[in-house]
Protein backbone atom coordinates (compact mmCIF):
# COMPACT_ATOMS: atom_id res chain seq x y z
CA LEU A 1 -50.29 -8.09 -26.40
CA SER A 2 -49.03 -5.73 -29.14
CA GLU A 3 -50.05 -7.64 -31.72
CA ARG A 4 -53.53 -7.58 -30.08
CA GLY A 5 -53.44 -4.12 -30.05
CA PHE A 6 -52.04 -3.01 -26.46
CA ALA A 7 -49.21 -0.43 -26.36
CA THR A 8 -46.61 -2.16 -24.31
CA LEU A 9 -43.72 -1.03 -22.07
CA ARG A 10 -41.22 -3.67 -20.34
CA TYR A 11 -38.03 -2.74 -18.93
CA ASP A 12 -35.01 -4.47 -17.03
CA LYS A 13 -34.49 -4.19 -13.41
CA ARG A 14 -31.96 -1.37 -12.58
CA GLY A 15 -28.19 -2.58 -13.49
CA ILE A 16 -29.32 -5.56 -15.54
CA GLY A 17 -29.07 -6.19 -19.16
CA THR A 18 -30.12 -8.76 -21.60
CA ASN A 19 -29.90 -11.97 -20.50
CA HIS A 20 -29.90 -11.40 -17.10
CA THR A 21 -26.70 -9.96 -16.87
CA ILE A 22 -25.43 -7.44 -14.37
CA LEU A 23 -24.22 -4.10 -16.14
CA ASP A 24 -23.39 -2.18 -13.15
CA SER A 25 -22.80 -4.41 -9.75
CA ASN A 26 -22.47 -1.23 -7.97
CA VAL A 27 -26.19 0.01 -9.30
CA TRP A 28 -27.35 -3.81 -8.34
CA GLY A 29 -25.58 -3.93 -4.98
CA ASN A 30 -27.45 -1.00 -3.54
CA LEU A 31 -30.77 -1.97 -5.45
CA THR A 32 -34.13 -2.50 -2.71
CA ILE A 33 -37.31 -3.27 -2.90
CA ASN A 34 -38.50 0.39 -2.89
CA ASP A 35 -36.22 1.21 -5.59
CA LEU A 36 -37.96 -1.31 -7.43
CA GLU A 37 -41.21 0.40 -6.90
CA GLN A 38 -39.84 3.73 -7.63
CA ASP A 39 -38.27 2.44 -10.99
CA ALA A 40 -42.06 1.03 -11.86
CA ASN A 41 -44.05 4.37 -11.06
CA LYS A 42 -41.36 5.59 -13.52
CA ALA A 43 -41.38 3.89 -16.24
CA LEU A 44 -45.36 4.36 -15.97
CA ALA A 45 -44.92 8.38 -16.13
CA VAL A 46 -42.78 7.36 -19.40
CA LEU A 47 -45.96 5.33 -20.65
CA THR A 48 -48.64 7.79 -19.98
CA GLN A 49 -46.68 10.51 -21.82
CA GLN A 50 -46.62 8.38 -25.12
CA PRO A 51 -49.25 9.68 -27.42
CA GLU A 52 -50.72 6.01 -28.59
CA VAL A 53 -51.49 5.60 -25.06
CA ASP A 54 -55.02 5.94 -23.20
CA ASN A 55 -54.35 7.30 -19.86
CA SER A 56 -57.73 5.76 -18.78
CA LYS A 57 -57.32 1.97 -19.41
CA ILE A 58 -53.14 1.34 -18.20
CA THR A 59 -53.11 -2.24 -16.71
CA VAL A 60 -49.38 -3.35 -14.64
CA LEU A 61 -48.39 -7.14 -14.85
CA GLY A 62 -46.06 -8.64 -13.07
CA HIS A 63 -44.75 -11.93 -12.38
CA SER A 64 -43.07 -12.96 -9.07
CA GLU A 65 -41.21 -10.78 -7.92
CA GLY A 66 -43.52 -8.35 -10.05
CA THR A 67 -46.66 -9.13 -8.31
CA MET A 68 -45.14 -7.28 -4.95
CA ILE A 69 -44.51 -4.28 -7.26
CA ALA A 70 -47.90 -3.93 -9.22
CA PRO A 71 -50.52 -3.32 -6.49
CA ARG A 72 -48.31 -0.84 -4.87
CA VAL A 73 -48.10 0.71 -8.47
CA ALA A 74 -51.70 0.91 -8.51
CA ILE A 75 -52.00 2.71 -4.65
CA ASP A 76 -49.35 4.85 -5.56
CA ASN A 77 -51.31 5.73 -8.92
CA PRO A 78 -54.72 5.30 -8.29
CA ASP A 79 -55.62 7.99 -11.31
CA LYS A 80 -54.07 6.29 -13.62
CA VAL A 81 -53.85 2.24 -13.10
CA LYS A 82 -57.34 0.82 -14.47
CA ASN A 83 -56.32 -2.93 -13.86
CA ILE A 84 -53.13 -5.32 -12.21
CA VAL A 85 -52.58 -8.84 -12.95
CA LEU A 86 -50.49 -10.89 -11.28
CA MET A 87 -49.00 -14.19 -11.94
CA GLY A 88 -47.60 -16.60 -9.74
CA ALA A 89 -48.06 -14.28 -7.01
CA LEU A 90 -46.54 -13.88 -3.62
CA ALA A 91 -48.99 -13.32 -0.68
CA GLN A 92 -47.01 -13.99 2.54
CA ASN A 93 -44.11 -12.42 3.89
CA MET A 94 -40.65 -13.48 2.50
CA SER A 95 -39.55 -16.03 5.58
CA GLU A 96 -42.81 -18.30 4.68
CA ILE A 97 -42.16 -18.53 0.98
CA LEU A 98 -38.57 -19.16 2.17
CA ASP A 99 -40.10 -21.73 4.47
CA PHE A 100 -41.95 -23.46 2.09
CA GLN A 101 -39.10 -23.79 -0.65
CA THR A 102 -36.62 -24.88 1.48
CA VAL A 103 -38.30 -27.06 4.73
CA SER A 104 -42.06 -27.88 3.55
CA LEU A 105 -41.82 -29.15 -0.10
CA PRO A 106 -38.19 -31.17 0.78
CA LEU A 107 -40.28 -33.00 3.33
CA LEU A 108 -43.10 -33.31 2.03
CA TYR A 109 -41.05 -35.02 -1.00
CA ALA A 110 -38.99 -37.09 1.32
CA LYS A 111 -42.49 -38.27 2.43
CA GLU A 112 -44.15 -39.27 -0.19
CA VAL A 113 -41.02 -40.23 -2.62
CA LEU A 114 -37.90 -41.16 -0.97
CA ASP A 115 -39.78 -42.99 1.92
CA LYS A 116 -40.08 -45.88 0.21
CA ASP A 117 -41.15 -48.06 3.58
CA HIS A 118 -43.07 -45.60 4.75
CA ASN A 119 -41.13 -45.88 8.62
CA GLY A 120 -40.47 -42.20 8.19
CA SER A 121 -36.85 -42.89 7.11
CA LEU A 122 -34.86 -42.69 4.42
CA SER A 123 -31.39 -43.90 2.84
CA VAL A 124 -28.82 -40.82 2.64
CA GLN A 125 -26.91 -42.83 0.18
CA GLU A 126 -30.15 -42.88 -2.47
CA ALA A 127 -31.25 -39.22 -1.37
CA SER A 128 -27.71 -38.13 -2.65
CA LYS A 129 -28.46 -39.58 -5.82
CA ASP A 130 -32.07 -38.54 -6.17
CA VAL A 131 -31.56 -35.82 -8.87
CA THR A 132 -35.34 -34.31 -8.28
CA PHE A 133 -34.57 -33.94 -4.56
CA GLN A 134 -30.71 -32.93 -4.78
CA ARG A 135 -32.82 -29.61 -7.05
CA ILE A 136 -35.19 -29.56 -4.27
CA ILE A 137 -32.80 -29.13 -1.38
CA GLY A 138 -30.12 -27.18 -4.00
CA GLY A 139 -27.29 -29.56 -3.02
CA ASN A 140 -26.14 -33.28 -2.22
CA LEU A 141 -28.29 -34.53 1.25
CA SER A 142 -24.46 -35.65 2.06
CA LEU A 143 -23.04 -31.93 2.29
CA ILE A 144 -25.96 -30.99 4.02
CA LEU A 145 -25.51 -33.43 6.86
CA THR A 146 -21.52 -32.91 7.03
CA GLN A 147 -19.01 -30.01 8.17
CA ASN A 148 -15.68 -29.37 7.26
CA LEU A 149 -13.35 -29.11 9.89
CA ALA A 150 -9.99 -26.50 9.67
CA ASN A 151 -7.89 -29.63 8.72
CA GLY A 152 -9.93 -30.02 5.64
CA THR A 153 -11.44 -32.80 7.09
CA LYS A 154 -15.00 -33.82 6.02
CA ILE A 155 -17.28 -35.29 9.18
CA GLN A 156 -21.09 -36.23 9.42
CA LYS A 157 -22.73 -33.42 12.12
CA THR A 158 -23.68 -35.72 14.70
CA GLU A 159 -26.62 -33.35 15.63
CA TYR A 160 -28.52 -34.83 12.28
CA ASN A 161 -27.94 -38.13 12.89
CA PRO A 162 -27.07 -39.17 15.87
CA ASN A 163 -27.00 -42.65 15.22
CA ASN A 164 -24.55 -42.09 12.58
CA ASP A 165 -26.26 -44.08 10.28
CA THR A 166 -26.86 -45.03 6.56
CA TYR A 167 -30.09 -43.88 7.19
CA ILE A 168 -31.97 -40.77 8.37
CA ASN A 169 -35.39 -39.78 10.23
CA ILE A 170 -37.27 -37.53 8.40
CA GLU A 171 -38.62 -35.27 11.52
CA ASN A 172 -35.64 -35.70 13.85
CA GLU A 173 -32.75 -35.56 11.56
CA LEU A 174 -33.46 -33.99 8.42
CA LYS A 175 -36.23 -31.56 8.78
CA PRO A 176 -33.61 -29.91 11.81
CA ALA A 177 -31.06 -29.88 8.81
CA LEU A 178 -32.83 -28.25 6.75
CA ILE A 179 -34.60 -25.84 8.91
CA GLU A 180 -30.56 -24.83 9.56
CA ARG A 181 -29.97 -24.57 5.92
CA ALA A 182 -33.04 -22.34 5.55
CA LYS A 183 -31.46 -20.11 8.09
CA SER A 184 -28.65 -19.11 6.71
CA PHE A 185 -30.11 -19.09 2.56
CA PHE A 186 -30.33 -15.44 2.65
CA SER A 187 -27.44 -15.11 4.76
CA PRO A 188 -24.80 -12.90 2.72
CA SER A 189 -21.80 -15.50 0.64
CA ALA A 190 -18.30 -14.83 -1.17
CA SER A 191 -20.42 -14.15 -4.13
CA SER A 192 -23.14 -11.85 -2.45
CA THR A 193 -21.16 -9.84 0.41
CA LEU A 194 -20.87 -5.88 -0.59
CA SER A 195 -16.76 -5.19 -1.16
CA GLU A 196 -16.05 -2.70 1.51
CA SER A 197 -14.03 -0.59 -1.33
CA SER A 198 -16.34 -0.99 -3.95
CA GLY A 199 -19.43 -1.26 -2.70
CA LYS A 200 -19.94 -4.31 -5.99
CA CYS A 201 -22.18 -7.42 -5.71
CA THR A 202 -22.64 -9.65 -8.81
CA ASN A 203 -24.88 -11.96 -6.92
CA LEU A 204 -27.90 -12.95 -9.75
CA GLU A 205 -30.42 -13.71 -6.75
CA GLY A 206 -30.19 -10.79 -4.86
CA CYS A 207 -27.46 -8.47 -2.83
CA PRO A 208 -27.95 -8.49 1.08
CA LEU A 209 -29.14 -4.95 0.90
CA TYR A 210 -31.98 -6.60 -1.82
CA GLN A 211 -32.26 -9.18 0.97
CA SER A 212 -32.97 -7.50 3.84
CA SER A 213 -35.78 -4.94 1.99
CA PHE A 214 -37.57 -8.48 1.06
CA PHE A 215 -37.58 -10.13 4.33
CA ALA A 216 -38.78 -6.40 5.79
CA LEU A 217 -41.26 -5.83 3.14
CA GLU A 218 -45.38 -5.74 4.33
CA PRO A 219 -47.05 -8.89 2.87
CA ASN A 220 -49.15 -8.58 -0.75
CA LEU A 221 -51.83 -9.90 1.94
CA SER A 222 -51.80 -6.76 3.22
CA THR A 223 -50.94 -4.39 0.77
CA ILE A 224 -53.50 -5.82 -1.40
CA THR A 225 -56.25 -4.31 0.94
CA ASN A 226 -55.49 -1.08 -0.42
CA VAL A 227 -55.51 -1.12 -3.90
CA PRO A 228 -57.82 1.29 -5.22
CA SER A 229 -61.44 -0.25 -4.89
CA ASN A 230 -62.22 0.60 -8.96
CA THR A 231 -59.12 -1.47 -9.63
CA SER A 232 -59.89 -4.77 -11.49
CA ILE A 233 -57.47 -7.80 -10.42
CA LEU A 234 -56.70 -11.21 -12.37
CA ILE A 235 -54.41 -13.53 -10.97
CA LEU A 236 -53.19 -16.83 -12.19
CA ASN A 237 -51.35 -19.51 -10.71
CA GLY A 238 -50.32 -22.50 -11.76
CA GLU A 239 -51.08 -25.28 -9.30
CA ASN A 240 -47.51 -26.94 -9.30
CA ASP A 241 -45.73 -23.75 -8.59
CA THR A 242 -43.09 -24.37 -6.10
CA GLN A 243 -41.80 -21.07 -6.21
CA THR A 244 -45.01 -18.90 -5.50
CA PRO A 245 -47.33 -21.72 -3.78
CA VAL A 246 -50.63 -21.70 -5.10
CA GLN A 247 -52.34 -21.46 -2.08
CA GLY A 248 -50.95 -18.22 -1.88
CA ALA A 249 -53.43 -17.37 -4.43
CA PHE A 250 -56.13 -18.65 -3.02
CA LEU A 251 -55.61 -16.23 0.15
CA LEU A 252 -55.08 -12.91 -1.82
CA GLN A 253 -58.59 -14.28 -3.40
CA GLN A 254 -59.91 -14.81 0.45
CA LYS A 255 -58.78 -11.23 1.21
CA LEU A 256 -60.27 -9.89 -1.51
CA THR A 257 -63.78 -11.35 -0.53
CA GLU A 258 -63.15 -10.56 2.44
CA ILE A 259 -63.15 -6.41 2.27
CA ASN A 260 -65.85 -6.58 -1.10
CA HIS A 261 -63.42 -5.56 -3.60
CA PRO A 262 -66.03 -5.34 -6.37
CA ASP A 263 -63.77 -6.84 -9.45
CA HIS A 264 -61.39 -9.85 -9.51
CA ILE A 265 -61.07 -13.04 -10.41
CA LEU A 266 -58.33 -15.67 -9.72
CA ILE A 267 -57.60 -19.09 -12.50
CA THR A 268 -55.45 -21.59 -11.31
CA TYR A 269 -53.74 -23.86 -13.94
CA PRO A 270 -53.28 -27.74 -13.46
CA ASN A 271 -50.21 -29.14 -13.96
CA LEU A 272 -47.91 -25.28 -14.49
CA GLY A 273 -45.38 -24.64 -12.88
CA HIS A 274 -44.30 -21.21 -11.80
CA ASP A 275 -43.58 -20.04 -15.45
CA PHE A 276 -46.64 -21.24 -16.59
CA TYR A 277 -45.68 -24.43 -18.03
CA PRO A 278 -46.33 -27.91 -17.62
CA SER A 279 -44.48 -28.75 -14.51
CA SER A 280 -44.41 -31.61 -11.71
CA GLN A 281 -45.85 -30.63 -7.84
CA TRP A 282 -41.86 -30.57 -7.08
CA GLN A 283 -39.88 -28.42 -9.12
CA THR A 284 -40.79 -25.97 -11.85
CA SER A 285 -39.93 -27.10 -15.20
CA GLN A 286 -39.30 -24.07 -17.94
CA GLY A 287 -40.80 -23.35 -20.86
CA PRO A 288 -43.26 -20.96 -23.42
CA ILE A 289 -46.23 -19.60 -21.59
CA GLN A 290 -49.01 -21.85 -22.40
CA GLN A 291 -51.40 -20.77 -25.23
CA TYR A 292 -54.46 -20.93 -22.97
CA VAL A 293 -53.08 -18.81 -20.42
CA LEU A 294 -52.14 -16.34 -22.48
CA ALA A 295 -55.84 -16.69 -24.27
CA ASP A 296 -57.23 -16.18 -20.57
CA LEU A 297 -55.26 -12.82 -20.08
CA TYR A 298 -55.66 -11.39 -23.72
CA SER A 299 -59.65 -12.17 -22.69
CA TRP A 300 -59.57 -10.67 -19.45
CA LEU A 301 -57.63 -7.53 -20.62
CA GLU A 302 -59.30 -6.83 -23.93
CA ALA A 303 -62.85 -6.53 -22.40
CA HIS A 304 -61.55 -4.56 -18.97
CA SER A 305 -59.71 -2.34 -21.56
CA GLY A 306 -63.23 -1.75 -23.86
CA PHE A 307 -61.66 -3.98 -26.55
CA THR A 308 -64.80 -6.08 -26.49
CA ASN A 309 -68.41 -5.96 -24.51
CA SER A 310 -68.39 -8.84 -22.36
CA ILE A 311 -66.54 -8.41 -18.87
CA THR A 312 -64.80 -12.03 -17.95
CA SER A 313 -65.52 -11.10 -14.58
CA SER A 314 -67.82 -8.34 -13.32
CA SER A 315 -67.47 -9.71 -9.43
CA SER A 316 -65.37 -12.01 -7.30
CA SER A 317 -64.93 -15.66 -8.50
CA SER A 318 -62.19 -18.32 -9.09
CA SER A 319 -61.69 -20.98 -11.32
CA SER A 320 -59.55 -23.77 -12.82
CA HIS A 321 -58.40 -25.00 -16.08
CA SER A 322 -57.91 -28.39 -17.17
CA SER A 323 -56.56 -28.95 -19.97
CA SER A 324 -45.37 -8.84 -17.75
CA THR A 325 -44.03 -6.53 -17.63
CA ASP A 326 -42.37 -6.58 -13.95
CA GLN A 327 -39.33 -9.36 -13.96
CA SER A 328 -39.27 -12.34 -11.60
C-alpha cells in the first residue's frame, strides 16, 4: 500500500510485540474488545494528525477479529472514515462461529471423508490417525472420547460410545462429544486463568476477560447497519475459509442490501482460505496473500480514494474470482 502512494499506519495489539510475543502479560490479561476499539480510535487520531494524510479519504482495514473493530471505528468517527475494508469477515456472534469451527466443520469432514462406507459411523482408529481431522478438532479423537480417573487410569466415556466398540456413530456419539468439547473451548485453562496474585495471562488465544467480552459483543450483522451511509464498504472472503466462513460474508452483503447501503461490494475467492492463500475446504493454509486479491484491493482503494476516475462499485454488488491494518 505504501509503495502505491498510501500513507499507512499499522500497530500491534496492546501488550503484544514482534512475532506475536507477549510483552506485558498483565496488560494482555486485562484486554477486552472495548479496549481494542478504543486503541483503534486512538490510532486513527494519530493518523489524522500526520501532515501527509488526507483526512477526507481515510480507510480502516480489518482482518478477521479486526473486522469487528473497523465498522465500530467508522461509526465512532463518521466525519473521518471514508471507507472500510473487511477481510475474512466475522458476521455472527462468537458462539455461532465457534459452533461452526468445532462442531459443524468436523461433522461434515467425518461424513464426507471418514465415513467411507456411508453408514453413519467411522473407525475410531482411522479417525485418530487422520492428520486433517486431528487439526480440525484440535487433538486426537481418542483423547476426546476418554477421561482421566483420579488414579491416572484412562477410560472411555461411555456416554459417547455406549457400545464400547471400535466404531463411533457420527450423529449419536461423535456429535455430542464435539458439542461438549465446544462448551469448554473458551473455558479458562491453566495457561489462560489470571493469577490472583499477579493478574497475568500468557495465552495468545485470549484471556478470560477478552473471551467474555467477545462472546458478549453485538454481532457485525447488527453493527453494520449503523455504519454511515456515506462510508463505502469492501468485503473480501475466501470461499474455503474455515475460521470466518464465507456464508457470513454473504449475510453481511444481504444485510447491507436490505438497508439500501449506497456503496458496498463483496468479492469471494474460490480455493482461498482465511489468509487468502490456497487452502482446502477443511483447513486454512498459511502463506502470502494472492496477488489477484491484492489487485482487487488496490483497484477498489484507488478508485475510492480519488487516485483513479473509475469507481469499482457505485452500488451494491458481489462477484467471485476463479483464478489491514487491524490484526487478527
